[in-house]
Amino acid sequence: MRRLSIGQFSQLTRLSINALRLYADNGVLRPTHVDAETGYRFYDPDQIERAERIKLLRGIGISLNHIQRILDASAPEEQLSLLDEHALHLEEQLKQLKRFSARLRSRTPAPDAVERFMIETVPTQRIAGVRIMTGLARIGDDIRRAFETLHQNLAASPLRTVGTPMVIYHDLIDEVSDGDVEVCVPIHDSVLAHPTLTIHTLEAANVAAIVHRGPYDQITSAYQRILHQITLQGLEPVGPPREIYMNDPTITEPSARMTRIEYPVAKTDATL
């Protein structure tokens, strides 16, 4: 099985290197190999699923010690018992916790109706946007406010949009690392600058893409699938992921919302 460096594993799981080191030190996600001479840490691709579950459970406020007990439990019934015990302390996020509990009970994926994996070339685009620094606990609210700011500025300017709104995640964001997020929309390519919006060129790229159908807070499984396929096909991410919102959430039921996830990719050295 191909080993992944900590940097490669960080890209594929969207967990920062600092978070991976924290998880290793706490025993919840240890590297499978540490080079005795250099100290470099390596992971196996089959650890990606555990990393995604850790990220999901940390996102709803569960401690690393409790996560380890949940993931190491020998039976689904024991996992459920531990989740229900902790739910008493997470009332504000109870909806997310119950969804995860239901997935464990049924042992089936969340109903997100992800379409097929694609490799496509996307053209160069001029984009106008708002860039923010945000953290895991507030990212949803911060992105909503950034979209409001973007729409207000577009409405008050002669800028002409020519594409679908998107979010570009320039940094990894997790429990120990805030990051840079860009909320933006493609615009007519003749526009050079704007007094309050950031305008720049998004270069043409080969992208891996997949479409998620369903609520935004259930998109994690789509990221798992696209990153798994990227690894299987001997590719690696070479740019920040994008979420492109294909319909208007203000008039679309959560179950019908469509989000296209794109990762700029290239062949790994091993597949050249």
Protein backbone atom coordinates (compact mmCIF):
# COMPACT_ATOMS: atom_id res chain seq x y z
CA MET A 1 0.00 0.00 0.00
CA ARG A 2 1.29 3.46 -0.93
CA ARG A 3 2.40 5.54 2.05
CA LEU A 4 1.34 9.16 2.28
CA SER A 5 3.55 11.83 3.79
CA ILE A 6 1.95 13.98 6.47
CA GLY A 7 1.68 16.79 3.90
CA GLN A 8 -0.11 14.58 1.37
CA PHE A 9 -2.40 13.16 4.06
CA SER A 10 -3.16 16.72 5.20
CA GLN A 11 -4.26 17.67 1.67
CA LEU A 12 -6.41 14.58 1.21
CA THR A 13 -8.20 14.91 4.57
CA ARG A 14 -8.36 18.73 4.75
CA LEU A 15 -6.79 18.55 8.21
CA SER A 16 -3.86 20.82 8.96
CA ILE A 17 -0.48 19.35 9.85
CA ASN A 18 -0.86 20.89 13.33
CA ALA A 19 -4.16 19.05 13.79
CA LEU A 20 -2.67 15.76 12.61
CA ARG A 21 0.18 16.13 15.09
CA LEU A 22 -2.33 16.88 17.85
CA TYR A 23 -4.35 13.79 16.95
CA ALA A 24 -1.20 11.65 16.87
CA ASP A 25 -0.06 12.94 20.27
CA ASN A 26 -3.50 12.15 21.71
CA GLY A 27 -3.53 8.68 20.17
CA VAL A 28 -6.72 9.14 18.18
CA LEU A 29 -4.99 9.06 14.74
CA ARG A 30 -1.41 7.84 14.80
CA PRO A 31 0.82 7.65 11.70
CA THR A 32 1.44 4.09 10.55
CA HIS A 33 5.16 4.74 10.14
CA VAL A 34 7.67 7.23 11.57
CA ASP A 35 11.11 7.34 9.96
CA ALA A 36 13.66 6.56 12.65
CA GLU A 37 16.27 8.94 11.23
CA THR A 38 14.25 11.92 10.06
CA GLY A 39 11.17 11.66 12.28
CA TYR A 40 8.96 12.10 9.19
CA ARG A 41 5.44 10.75 9.68
CA PHE A 42 3.60 8.63 7.12
CA TYR A 43 -0.02 7.50 6.86
CA ASP A 44 -1.92 4.85 4.89
CA PRO A 45 -4.76 5.80 2.52
CA ASP A 46 -7.18 3.61 4.47
CA GLN A 47 -6.82 6.03 7.43
CA ILE A 48 -8.63 8.76 5.47
CA GLU A 49 -12.07 7.49 6.57
CA ARG A 50 -11.06 7.59 10.25
CA ALA A 51 -9.70 11.12 9.78
CA GLU A 52 -13.00 12.25 8.24
CA ARG A 53 -14.97 10.77 11.15
CA ILE A 54 -12.69 12.51 13.64
CA LYS A 55 -13.26 15.82 11.84
CA LEU A 56 -17.03 15.32 11.85
CA LEU A 57 -17.15 14.46 15.55
CA ARG A 58 -14.83 17.33 16.51
CA GLY A 59 -17.10 19.65 14.51
CA ILE A 60 -19.96 18.89 16.92
CA GLY A 61 -17.84 19.48 19.99
CA ILE A 62 -16.82 15.98 21.11
CA SER A 63 -13.49 15.70 22.90
CA LEU A 64 -10.60 13.71 21.44
CA ASN A 65 -10.70 11.23 24.31
CA HIS A 66 -14.41 10.61 23.73
CA ILE A 67 -13.87 10.33 19.96
CA GLN A 68 -11.24 7.66 20.52
CA ARG A 69 -13.68 5.67 22.68
CA ILE A 70 -16.37 5.98 19.99
CA LEU A 71 -14.17 4.98 17.04
CA ASP A 72 -12.47 2.15 18.92
CA ALA A 73 -15.74 0.68 20.19
CA SER A 74 -16.16 -2.92 19.06
CA ALA A 75 -19.85 -2.74 18.15
CA PRO A 76 -22.26 -0.13 16.68
CA GLU A 77 -24.44 -0.46 19.79
CA GLU A 78 -21.54 0.62 22.02
CA GLN A 79 -20.79 3.54 19.71
CA LEU A 80 -24.42 4.66 19.93
CA SER A 81 -24.42 4.45 23.71
CA LEU A 82 -21.36 6.72 23.90
CA LEU A 83 -22.86 9.23 21.46
CA ASP A 84 -26.15 9.40 23.31
CA GLU A 85 -24.29 9.95 26.57
CA HIS A 86 -22.47 12.95 25.15
CA ALA A 87 -25.55 14.40 23.41
CA LEU A 88 -26.78 15.72 26.76
CA HIS A 89 -23.94 18.28 26.65
CA LEU A 90 -24.45 19.34 23.03
CA GLU A 91 -28.02 20.67 22.89
CA GLU A 92 -27.22 23.46 20.42
CA GLN A 93 -25.78 20.90 17.98
CA LEU A 94 -28.18 18.06 18.76
CA LYS A 95 -29.54 17.89 15.23
CA GLN A 96 -26.11 17.09 13.79
CA LEU A 97 -25.38 14.57 16.53
CA LYS A 98 -28.67 12.73 15.95
CA ARG A 99 -27.94 12.54 12.23
CA PHE A 100 -24.61 10.87 12.93
CA SER A 101 -26.27 8.51 15.43
CA ALA A 102 -28.87 7.55 12.82
CA ARG A 103 -26.09 6.75 10.34
CA LEU A 104 -24.48 4.44 12.88
CA ARG A 105 -27.79 2.70 13.58
CA SER A 106 -28.53 2.05 9.94
CA ARG A 107 -24.90 1.54 8.88
CA THR A 108 -25.77 3.21 5.60
CA PRO A 109 -24.47 6.47 4.07
CA ALA A 110 -26.34 9.72 4.57
CA PRO A 111 -28.83 10.36 1.73
CA ASP A 112 -26.79 12.92 -0.17
CA ALA A 113 -27.23 11.51 -3.71
CA VAL A 114 -23.75 12.30 -4.96
CA GLU A 115 -23.33 12.12 -8.73
CA ARG A 116 -20.45 10.48 -10.57
CA PHE A 117 -16.81 11.49 -10.19
CA MET A 118 -15.52 13.60 -13.10
CA ILE A 119 -12.21 14.94 -14.41
CA GLU A 120 -12.72 18.12 -16.42
CA THR A 121 -10.88 21.20 -17.62
CA VAL A 122 -12.36 24.48 -16.40
CA PRO A 123 -11.50 27.70 -18.24
CA THR A 124 -9.86 30.83 -16.90
CA GLN A 125 -12.30 33.06 -15.01
CA ARG A 126 -12.26 36.56 -13.60
CA ILE A 127 -13.83 36.56 -10.16
CA ALA A 128 -14.99 39.20 -7.70
CA GLY A 129 -15.15 38.29 -4.07
CA VAL A 130 -14.82 38.88 -0.37
CA ARG A 131 -12.00 37.19 1.56
CA ILE A 132 -12.39 36.38 5.24
CA MET A 133 -10.48 34.65 7.99
CA THR A 134 -12.75 32.21 9.80
CA GLY A 135 -12.69 29.28 12.19
CA LEU A 136 -14.47 25.95 12.42
CA ALA A 137 -17.01 27.07 15.03
CA ARG A 138 -18.20 30.13 13.08
CA ILE A 139 -17.56 29.28 9.43
CA GLY A 140 -21.23 28.93 8.43
CA ASP A 141 -22.23 32.32 9.83
CA ASP A 142 -19.11 34.02 8.46
CA ILE A 143 -19.72 32.70 4.94
CA ARG A 144 -23.37 33.80 5.04
CA ARG A 145 -22.32 37.32 6.07
CA ALA A 146 -19.64 37.41 3.37
CA PHE A 147 -22.21 36.47 0.72
CA GLU A 148 -24.46 39.28 1.98
CA THR A 149 -21.57 41.73 1.66
CA LEU A 150 -20.76 40.42 -1.84
CA HIS A 151 -24.35 40.75 -3.05
CA GLN A 152 -24.70 44.27 -1.59
CA ASN A 153 -21.53 45.41 -3.36
CA LEU A 154 -22.56 43.82 -6.65
CA ALA A 155 -26.00 45.42 -6.49
CA ALA A 156 -24.43 48.86 -5.99
CA SER A 157 -21.91 48.54 -8.84
CA PRO A 158 -21.91 48.08 -12.63
CA LEU A 159 -20.18 44.70 -12.33
CA ARG A 160 -21.81 42.03 -14.48
CA THR A 161 -21.75 38.47 -13.17
CA VAL A 162 -21.39 35.63 -15.67
CA GLY A 163 -21.35 32.54 -13.49
CA THR A 164 -22.42 30.76 -10.35
CA PRO A 165 -21.43 31.81 -6.78
CA MET A 166 -18.69 29.79 -5.15
CA VAL A 167 -16.50 29.51 -2.08
CA ILE A 168 -12.74 28.84 -2.37
CA TYR A 169 -11.04 27.36 0.71
CA HIS A 170 -7.50 28.74 0.50
CA ASP A 171 -6.46 27.23 3.85
CA LEU A 172 -7.24 24.15 5.88
CA ILE A 173 -9.68 24.96 8.68
CA ASP A 174 -10.03 22.75 11.72
CA GLU A 175 -10.20 22.97 15.49
CA VAL A 176 -6.67 24.37 15.87
CA SER A 177 -6.32 26.41 12.67
CA ASP A 178 -8.37 29.32 11.32
CA GLY A 179 -8.13 29.88 7.59
CA ASP A 180 -8.60 32.09 4.56
CA VAL A 181 -11.88 31.66 2.66
CA GLU A 182 -12.97 33.50 -0.48
CA VAL A 183 -16.67 34.02 -1.22
CA CYS A 184 -16.91 34.99 -4.88
CA VAL A 185 -18.65 34.93 -8.25
CA PRO A 186 -17.34 34.95 -11.86
CA ILE A 187 -17.62 38.31 -13.60
CA HIS A 188 -17.13 39.79 -17.06
CA ASP A 189 -13.42 39.54 -17.92
CA SER A 190 -13.00 43.20 -18.85
CA VAL A 191 -13.33 44.37 -15.23
CA LEU A 192 -9.95 45.24 -13.71
CA ALA A 193 -10.65 46.49 -10.20
CA HIS A 194 -13.30 47.38 -7.63
CA PRO A 195 -13.01 49.69 -4.59
CA THR A 196 -14.27 47.15 -2.03
CA LEU A 197 -14.22 43.70 -3.68
CA THR A 198 -11.18 41.60 -4.50
CA ILE A 199 -10.93 40.98 -8.25
CA HIS A 200 -8.44 38.53 -9.77
CA THR A 201 -8.05 35.72 -12.29
CA LEU A 202 -8.79 32.11 -11.48
CA GLU A 203 -6.54 30.26 -13.90
CA ALA A 204 -7.72 27.40 -16.10
CA ALA A 205 -7.16 24.02 -14.47
CA ASN A 206 -7.82 20.32 -14.67
CA VAL A 207 -10.21 19.57 -11.82
CA ALA A 208 -11.67 16.54 -10.12
CA ALA A 209 -15.35 17.23 -9.54
CA ILE A 210 -18.38 15.68 -7.92
CA VAL A 211 -21.89 17.03 -7.28
CA HIS A 212 -23.56 16.81 -3.89
CA ARG A 213 -27.35 16.93 -3.69
CA GLY A 214 -28.71 17.78 -0.27
CA PRO A 215 -28.21 20.05 2.74
CA TYR A 216 -24.89 21.85 3.03
CA ASP A 217 -24.25 20.34 6.46
CA GLN A 218 -24.25 16.84 4.90
CA ILE A 219 -21.51 17.57 2.35
CA THR A 220 -18.76 15.75 4.26
CA SER A 221 -19.48 12.40 2.59
CA ALA A 222 -19.09 14.02 -0.85
CA TYR A 223 -15.63 15.25 0.15
CA GLN A 224 -14.80 11.73 1.32
CA ARG A 225 -15.78 10.29 -2.06
CA ILE A 226 -13.95 12.82 -4.21
CA LEU A 227 -10.74 12.58 -2.16
CA HIS A 228 -10.94 8.78 -2.25
CA GLN A 229 -11.28 8.84 -6.04
CA ILE A 230 -8.43 11.33 -6.39
CA THR A 231 -6.17 8.89 -4.54
CA LEU A 232 -7.40 5.85 -6.47
CA GLN A 233 -6.67 7.51 -9.82
CA GLY A 234 -3.11 8.48 -8.94
CA LEU A 235 -3.87 12.18 -8.67
CA GLU A 236 -3.09 14.79 -6.04
CA PRO A 237 -4.64 18.17 -5.23
CA VAL A 238 -2.58 21.11 -6.54
CA GLY A 239 -4.87 23.95 -5.52
CA PRO A 240 -7.57 24.88 -3.02
CA PRO A 241 -10.97 23.18 -3.23
CA ARG A 242 -14.03 25.08 -4.41
CA GLU A 243 -17.71 24.70 -3.65
CA ILE A 244 -19.93 25.97 -6.48
CA TYR A 245 -23.57 26.53 -5.55
CA MET A 246 -25.68 25.43 -8.50
CA ASN A 247 -29.06 26.65 -7.23
CA ASP A 248 -30.29 29.42 -4.94
CA PRO A 249 -30.57 28.26 -1.30
CA THR A 250 -33.08 31.01 -0.52
CA ILE A 251 -35.68 29.38 -2.81
CA THR A 252 -34.48 25.75 -2.82
CA GLU A 253 -35.37 23.15 -0.22
CA PRO A 254 -32.27 21.82 1.61
CA SER A 255 -32.83 18.33 0.18
CA ALA A 256 -32.69 19.70 -3.40
CA ARG A 257 -29.65 21.97 -3.06
CA MET A 258 -26.87 21.17 -5.52
CA THR A 259 -23.21 21.84 -4.73
CA ARG A 260 -20.37 21.03 -7.11
CA ILE A 261 -17.04 20.33 -5.39
CA GLU A 262 -13.90 20.91 -7.46
CA TYR A 263 -10.25 20.15 -6.70
CA PRO A 264 -7.51 21.27 -9.11
CA VAL A 265 -5.46 18.11 -9.61
CA ALA A 266 -2.35 16.71 -11.30
CA LYS A 267 -0.79 13.29 -11.66
CA THR A 268 1.43 12.25 -8.77
CA ASP A 269 5.13 11.65 -9.43
CA ALA A 270 4.53 7.92 -9.05
CA THR A 271 2.07 7.89 -11.97
CA LEU A 272 4.01 10.06 -14.42
